[in-house]
């Protein structure tokens, strides 16, 4: 696939199923991700892979996070939260390992990890897979971070769901780039 065509046609998958990427394919995605711009060469990105057989445990972690935030959550809400882990056969959690007080501002460290995240979002369709990038309240839950082996200061950039696309494309209209561009005239 031509790189510009990939960039112009990128979208989030609506529905994903098995198969997901193999370990070798994930390694290629990560190898491309670590080529992202990185001011200061801090390499702030962290990737946690949740394989298909661990999704139920991850779903339980998500439901526990909801219950901590809302002790009155209904069983239906807890099941819905648990079910998010079943969106795709492979989940990649991307986090920024933020070095607070470093000469490289925190926002730049987060931006580098975000660029790595976007690279995975482009590598997946380039390799024939669909992907969706989600966050939500569990991304900000210290207990979720800890369970995933992340540091307290780490910032979860997103939960990337990757698998074989089975649905259509997102019905969200594409923005017109010119509406977001201005020319500085000094």
C-alpha atoms as a PDB file:
ATOM      1  CA  UNK A   1       0.000   0.000   0.000  1.00  0.00           C
ATOM      2  CA  UNK A   2       1.260   3.454  -0.911  1.00  0.00           C
ATOM      3  CA  UNK A   3       2.135   5.446   2.219  1.00  0.00           C
ATOM      4  CA  UNK A   4       0.078   8.503   1.264  1.00  0.00           C
ATOM      5  CA  UNK A   5      -2.939   6.318   0.417  1.00  0.00           C
ATOM      6  CA  UNK A   6      -2.569   4.687   3.827  1.00  0.00           C
ATOM      7  CA  UNK A   7      -2.526   8.083   5.538  1.00  0.00           C
ATOM      8  CA  UNK A   8      -5.491   9.406   3.546  1.00  0.00           C
ATOM      9  CA  UNK A   9      -7.651   6.324   4.084  1.00  0.00           C
ATOM     10  CA  UNK A  10      -6.815   5.540   7.723  1.00  0.00           C
ATOM     11  CA  UNK A  11      -9.882   4.970   9.858  1.00  0.00           C
ATOM     12  CA  UNK A  12     -10.894   3.125  12.984  1.00  0.00           C
ATOM     13  CA  UNK A  13     -12.412  -0.303  12.592  1.00  0.00           C
ATOM     14  CA  UNK A  14     -15.954  -0.761  13.836  1.00  0.00           C
ATOM     15  CA  UNK A  15     -15.647  -4.466  14.595  1.00  0.00           C
ATOM     16  CA  UNK A  16     -12.676  -6.796  14.892  1.00  0.00           C
ATOM     17  CA  UNK A  17     -12.269 -10.543  15.256  1.00  0.00           C
ATOM     18  CA  UNK A  18      -9.571 -13.213  15.121  1.00  0.00           C
ATOM     19  CA  UNK A  19      -7.042 -13.601  13.844  1.00  0.00           C
ATOM     20  CA  UNK A  20      -5.009 -10.860  15.353  1.00  0.00           C
ATOM     21  CA  UNK A  21      -1.391 -10.169  14.499  1.00  0.00           C
ATOM     22  CA  UNK A  22       1.197 -12.829  15.210  1.00  0.00           C
ATOM     23  CA  UNK A  23       4.069 -12.190  17.600  1.00  0.00           C
ATOM     24  CA  UNK A  24       6.321 -11.471  14.606  1.00  0.00           C
ATOM     25  CA  UNK A  25       3.810  -9.011  13.159  1.00  0.00           C
ATOM     26  CA  UNK A  26       3.492  -7.257  16.516  1.00  0.00           C
ATOM     27  CA  UNK A  27       7.286  -7.050  16.679  1.00  0.00           C
ATOM     28  CA  UNK A  28       7.255  -5.259  13.299  1.00  0.00           C
ATOM     29  CA  UNK A  29       4.576  -2.864  14.537  1.00  0.00           C
ATOM     30  CA  UNK A  30       6.656  -2.081  17.628  1.00  0.00           C
ATOM     31  CA  UNK A  31       9.831  -1.713  15.540  1.00  0.00           C
ATOM     32  CA  UNK A  32       8.023   0.887  13.448  1.00  0.00           C
ATOM     33  CA  UNK A  33       6.560   2.586  16.549  1.00  0.00           C
ATOM     34  CA  UNK A  34       9.944   3.195  18.149  1.00  0.00           C
ATOM     35  CA  UNK A  35      10.938   5.181  15.060  1.00  0.00           C
ATOM     36  CA  UNK A  36       8.533   7.927  16.170  1.00  0.00           C
ATOM     37  CA  UNK A  37       9.936  11.417  16.808  1.00  0.00           C
ATOM     38  CA  UNK A  38      11.479  11.544  20.259  1.00  0.00           C
ATOM     39  CA  UNK A  39      12.923  14.828  21.536  1.00  0.00           C
ATOM     40  CA  UNK A  40      15.848  14.081  23.819  1.00  0.00           C
ATOM     41  CA  UNK A  41      15.898  10.367  22.911  1.00  0.00           C
ATOM     42  CA  UNK A  42      14.052   9.518  26.115  1.00  0.00           C
ATOM     43  CA  UNK A  43      12.191   6.660  24.419  1.00  0.00           C
ATOM     44  CA  UNK A  44       9.163   7.265  26.658  1.00  0.00           C
ATOM     45  CA  UNK A  45       6.886   4.683  25.052  1.00  0.00           C
ATOM     46  CA  UNK A  46       5.882   1.502  26.823  1.00  0.00           C
ATOM     47  CA  UNK A  47       3.848  -1.262  25.173  1.00  0.00           C
ATOM     48  CA  UNK A  48       1.906  -3.900  27.106  1.00  0.00           C
ATOM     49  CA  UNK A  49       0.446  -6.699  24.988  1.00  0.00           C
ATOM     50  CA  UNK A  50      -2.729  -8.378  26.167  1.00  0.00           C
ATOM     51  CA  UNK A  51      -2.988 -11.628  24.274  1.00  0.00           C
ATOM     52  CA  UNK A  52      -6.274 -13.279  23.411  1.00  0.00           C
ATOM     53  CA  UNK A  53      -6.185 -15.723  26.327  1.00  0.00           C
ATOM     54  CA  UNK A  54      -5.683 -12.882  28.856  1.00  0.00           C
ATOM     55  CA  UNK A  55      -8.578 -10.711  27.673  1.00  0.00           C
ATOM     56  CA  UNK A  56     -11.006 -12.068  30.287  1.00  0.00           C
ATOM     57  CA  UNK A  57      -8.577 -11.129  33.070  1.00  0.00           C
ATOM     58  CA  UNK A  58      -8.135  -7.689  31.496  1.00  0.00           C
ATOM     59  CA  UNK A  59     -11.919  -7.342  31.295  1.00  0.00           C
ATOM     60  CA  UNK A  60     -12.150  -8.163  35.005  1.00  0.00           C
ATOM     61  CA  UNK A  61      -9.552  -5.447  35.684  1.00  0.00           C
ATOM     62  CA  UNK A  62     -11.644  -2.953  33.692  1.00  0.00           C
ATOM     63  CA  UNK A  63     -14.818  -3.940  35.578  1.00  0.00           C
ATOM     64  CA  UNK A  64     -13.008  -3.613  38.933  1.00  0.00           C
ATOM     65  CA  UNK A  65     -11.914  -0.127  37.877  1.00  0.00           C
ATOM     66  CA  UNK A  66     -15.521   0.812  37.153  1.00  0.00           C
ATOM     67  CA  UNK A  67     -16.650  -0.565  40.514  1.00  0.00           C
ATOM     68  CA  UNK A  68     -14.012   1.542  42.316  1.00  0.00           C
ATOM     69  CA  UNK A  69     -15.237   4.672  40.527  1.00  0.00           C
ATOM     70  CA  UNK A  70     -18.916   3.786  40.914  1.00  0.00           C
ATOM     71  CA  UNK A  71     -19.705   1.351  43.746  1.00  0.00           C
ATOM     72  CA  UNK A  72     -23.370   1.446  42.659  1.00  0.00           C
ATOM     73  CA  UNK A  73     -22.572   0.268  39.100  1.00  0.00           C
ATOM     74  CA  UNK A  74     -25.144  -2.199  37.850  1.00  0.00           C
ATOM     75  CA  UNK A  75     -24.278  -5.736  36.861  1.00  0.00           C
ATOM     76  CA  UNK A  76     -25.133  -4.754  33.288  1.00  0.00           C
ATOM     77  CA  UNK A  77     -22.638  -1.861  33.397  1.00  0.00           C
ATOM     78  CA  UNK A  78     -19.960  -4.128  34.852  1.00  0.00           C
ATOM     79  CA  UNK A  79     -20.574  -6.733  32.131  1.00  0.00           C
ATOM     80  CA  UNK A  80     -20.403  -4.029  29.447  1.00  0.00           C
ATOM     81  CA  UNK A  81     -17.084  -2.805  30.868  1.00  0.00           C
ATOM     82  CA  UNK A  82     -15.765  -6.383  31.033  1.00  0.00           C
ATOM     83  CA  UNK A  83     -16.873  -6.950  27.442  1.00  0.00           C
ATOM     84  CA  UNK A  84     -14.668  -4.144  26.150  1.00  0.00           C
ATOM     85  CA  UNK A  85     -11.735  -6.526  26.474  1.00  0.00           C
ATOM     86  CA  UNK A  86     -13.380  -8.756  23.882  1.00  0.00           C
ATOM     87  CA  UNK A  87     -13.404  -6.088  21.146  1.00  0.00           C
ATOM     88  CA  UNK A  88     -10.398  -7.624  19.401  1.00  0.00           C
ATOM     89  CA  UNK A  89      -8.128 -10.648  19.681  1.00  0.00           C
ATOM     90  CA  UNK A  90      -5.106  -8.483  20.537  1.00  0.00           C
ATOM     91  CA  UNK A  91      -4.912  -5.433  22.754  1.00  0.00           C
ATOM     92  CA  UNK A  92      -1.858  -3.227  23.026  1.00  0.00           C
ATOM     93  CA  UNK A  93      -1.737  -0.741  25.876  1.00  0.00           C
ATOM     94  CA  UNK A  94       0.522   2.183  25.027  1.00  0.00           C
ATOM     95  CA  UNK A  95       1.835   4.373  27.814  1.00  0.00           C
ATOM     96  CA  UNK A  96       4.221   7.280  28.130  1.00  0.00           C
ATOM     97  CA  UNK A  97       6.918   6.666  30.726  1.00  0.00           C
ATOM     98  CA  UNK A  98       6.997  10.268  31.906  1.00  0.00           C
ATOM     99  CA  UNK A  99      10.146  11.571  33.553  1.00  0.00           C
ATOM    100  CA  UNK A 100       8.838  14.399  35.695  1.00  0.00           C
ATOM    101  CA  UNK A 101      11.213  17.327  36.141  1.00  0.00           C
ATOM    102  CA  UNK A 102      13.315  16.347  33.120  1.00  0.00           C
ATOM    103  CA  UNK A 103      14.584  19.091  30.819  1.00  0.00           C
ATOM    104  CA  UNK A 104      12.341  17.607  28.118  1.00  0.00           C
ATOM    105  CA  UNK A 105       8.841  18.831  29.049  1.00  0.00           C
ATOM    106  CA  UNK A 106       6.281  16.201  29.987  1.00  0.00           C
ATOM    107  CA  UNK A 107       4.045  17.196  27.091  1.00  0.00           C
ATOM    108  CA  UNK A 108       6.845  16.343  24.649  1.00  0.00           C
ATOM    109  CA  UNK A 109       7.318  12.944  26.266  1.00  0.00           C
ATOM    110  CA  UNK A 110       3.589  12.278  25.946  1.00  0.00           C
ATOM    111  CA  UNK A 111       3.647  13.547  22.360  1.00  0.00           C
ATOM    112  CA  UNK A 112       6.429  11.084  21.496  1.00  0.00           C
ATOM    113  CA  UNK A 113       4.442   8.168  22.938  1.00  0.00           C
ATOM    114  CA  UNK A 114       1.369   9.425  21.076  1.00  0.00           C
ATOM    115  CA  UNK A 115       3.351   9.472  17.832  1.00  0.00           C
ATOM    116  CA  UNK A 116       4.386   5.864  18.515  1.00  0.00           C
ATOM    117  CA  UNK A 117       0.725   5.019  19.100  1.00  0.00           C
ATOM    118  CA  UNK A 118      -0.301   6.559  15.789  1.00  0.00           C
ATOM    119  CA  UNK A 119       2.466   4.630  14.064  1.00  0.00           C
ATOM    120  CA  UNK A 120       0.964   1.367  15.321  1.00  0.00           C
ATOM    121  CA  UNK A 121      -2.443   2.590  14.124  1.00  0.00           C
ATOM    122  CA  UNK A 122      -0.900   2.964  10.656  1.00  0.00           C
ATOM    123  CA  UNK A 123       1.200  -0.201  10.753  1.00  0.00           C
ATOM    124  CA  UNK A 124      -1.830  -2.381  11.535  1.00  0.00           C
ATOM    125  CA  UNK A 125      -3.751  -1.637   8.306  1.00  0.00           C
ATOM    126  CA  UNK A 126      -0.496  -1.656   6.329  1.00  0.00           C
ATOM    127  CA  UNK A 127      -0.190  -5.280   7.495  1.00  0.00           C
ATOM    128  CA  UNK A 128      -3.816  -6.119   6.724  1.00  0.00           C
ATOM    129  CA  UNK A 129      -5.375  -5.601  10.165  1.00  0.00           C
ATOM    130  CA  UNK A 130      -7.985  -3.242  11.500  1.00  0.00           C
ATOM    131  CA  UNK A 131      -7.418  -1.230  14.646  1.00  0.00           C
ATOM    132  CA  UNK A 132      -9.235   1.081  17.018  1.00  0.00           C
ATOM    133  CA  UNK A 133      -7.758   3.414  19.642  1.00  0.00           C
ATOM    134  CA  UNK A 134      -9.737   3.751  22.873  1.00  0.00           C
ATOM    135  CA  UNK A 135      -9.065   5.285  26.267  1.00  0.00           C
ATOM    136  CA  UNK A 136     -11.742   5.902  28.894  1.00  0.00           C
ATOM    137  CA  UNK A 137     -11.606   6.110  32.671  1.00  0.00           C
ATOM    138  CA  UNK A 138      -9.499   2.941  33.214  1.00  0.00           C
ATOM    139  CA  UNK A 139      -6.629   4.709  31.436  1.00  0.00           C
ATOM    140  CA  UNK A 140      -6.437   7.121  34.378  1.00  0.00           C
ATOM    141  CA  UNK A 141      -6.865   4.575  37.158  1.00  0.00           C
ATOM    142  CA  UNK A 142      -3.655   4.074  39.196  1.00  0.00           C
ATOM    143  CA  UNK A 143      -4.700   0.497  40.018  1.00  0.00           C
ATOM    144  CA  UNK A 144      -5.046  -0.342  36.315  1.00  0.00           C
ATOM    145  CA  UNK A 145      -1.611   1.148  35.626  1.00  0.00           C
ATOM    146  CA  UNK A 146      -0.126  -0.875  38.455  1.00  0.00           C
ATOM    147  CA  UNK A 147      -1.786  -4.124  37.321  1.00  0.00           C
ATOM    148  CA  UNK A 148      -0.324  -3.555  33.853  1.00  0.00           C
ATOM    149  CA  UNK A 149       3.176  -3.124  35.314  1.00  0.00           C
ATOM    150  CA  UNK A 150       3.312   0.606  34.640  1.00  0.00           C
ATOM    151  CA  UNK A 151       4.731   3.239  36.959  1.00  0.00           C
ATOM    152  CA  UNK A 152       2.490   5.651  38.854  1.00  0.00           C
ATOM    153  CA  UNK A 153       3.800   8.582  36.766  1.00  0.00           C
ATOM    154  CA  UNK A 154       3.195   6.766  33.463  1.00  0.00           C
ATOM    155  CA  UNK A 155       0.328   8.041  31.345  1.00  0.00           C
ATOM    156  CA  UNK A 156      -1.732   5.547  29.365  1.00  0.00           C
ATOM    157  CA  UNK A 157      -2.043   6.947  25.866  1.00  0.00           C
ATOM    158  CA  UNK A 158      -4.522   4.352  24.688  1.00  0.00           C
ATOM    159  CA  UNK A 159      -5.809   0.843  24.471  1.00  0.00           C
ATOM    160  CA  UNK A 160      -5.256  -0.303  20.890  1.00  0.00           C
ATOM    161  CA  UNK A 161      -7.576  -3.064  19.741  1.00  0.00           C
ATOM    162  CA  UNK A 162      -6.125  -4.940  16.759  1.00  0.00           C
ATOM    163  CA  UNK A 163      -7.569  -7.768  14.703  1.00  0.00           C
ATOM    164  CA  UNK A 164      -9.212  -8.717  11.456  1.00  0.00           C
ATOM    165  CA  UNK A 165     -11.735  -6.132  10.327  1.00  0.00           C
ATOM    166  CA  UNK A 166     -15.253  -7.551  10.021  1.00  0.00           C
ATOM    167  CA  UNK A 167     -17.440  -4.463   9.938  1.00  0.00           C
ATOM    168  CA  UNK A 168     -17.632  -1.363   7.875  1.00  0.00           C
ATOM    169  CA  UNK A 169     -15.847   1.881   8.469  1.00  0.00           C
ATOM    170  CA  UNK A 170     -16.706   4.504  11.023  1.00  0.00           C
ATOM    171  CA  UNK A 171     -19.605   6.672   9.848  1.00  0.00           C
ATOM    172  CA  UNK A 172     -17.927   9.779  11.249  1.00  0.00           C
ATOM    173  CA  UNK A 173     -17.505  12.311   8.433  1.00  0.00           C
ATOM    174  CA  UNK A 174     -13.949  13.111   7.413  1.00  0.00           C
ATOM    175  CA  UNK A 175     -12.799  16.624   8.291  1.00  0.00           C
ATOM    176  CA  UNK A 176     -11.726  19.000   5.545  1.00  0.00           C
ATOM    177  CA  UNK A 177      -8.068  19.806   6.196  1.00  0.00           C
ATOM    178  CA  UNK A 178      -8.306  23.369   4.883  1.00  0.00           C
ATOM    179  CA  UNK A 179     -10.675  24.238   7.729  1.00  0.00           C
ATOM    180  CA  UNK A 180      -7.825  23.732  10.202  1.00  0.00           C
ATOM    181  CA  UNK A 181      -5.020  25.477   8.316  1.00  0.00           C
ATOM    182  CA  UNK A 182      -3.978  29.104   8.421  1.00  0.00           C
ATOM    183  CA  UNK A 183      -0.992  30.914   7.006  1.00  0.00           C
ATOM    184  CA  UNK A 184       0.859  33.171   9.405  1.00  0.00           C
ATOM    185  CA  UNK A 185       1.441  36.553   7.839  1.00  0.00           C
ATOM    186  CA  UNK A 186       3.769  37.909  10.516  1.00  0.00           C
END
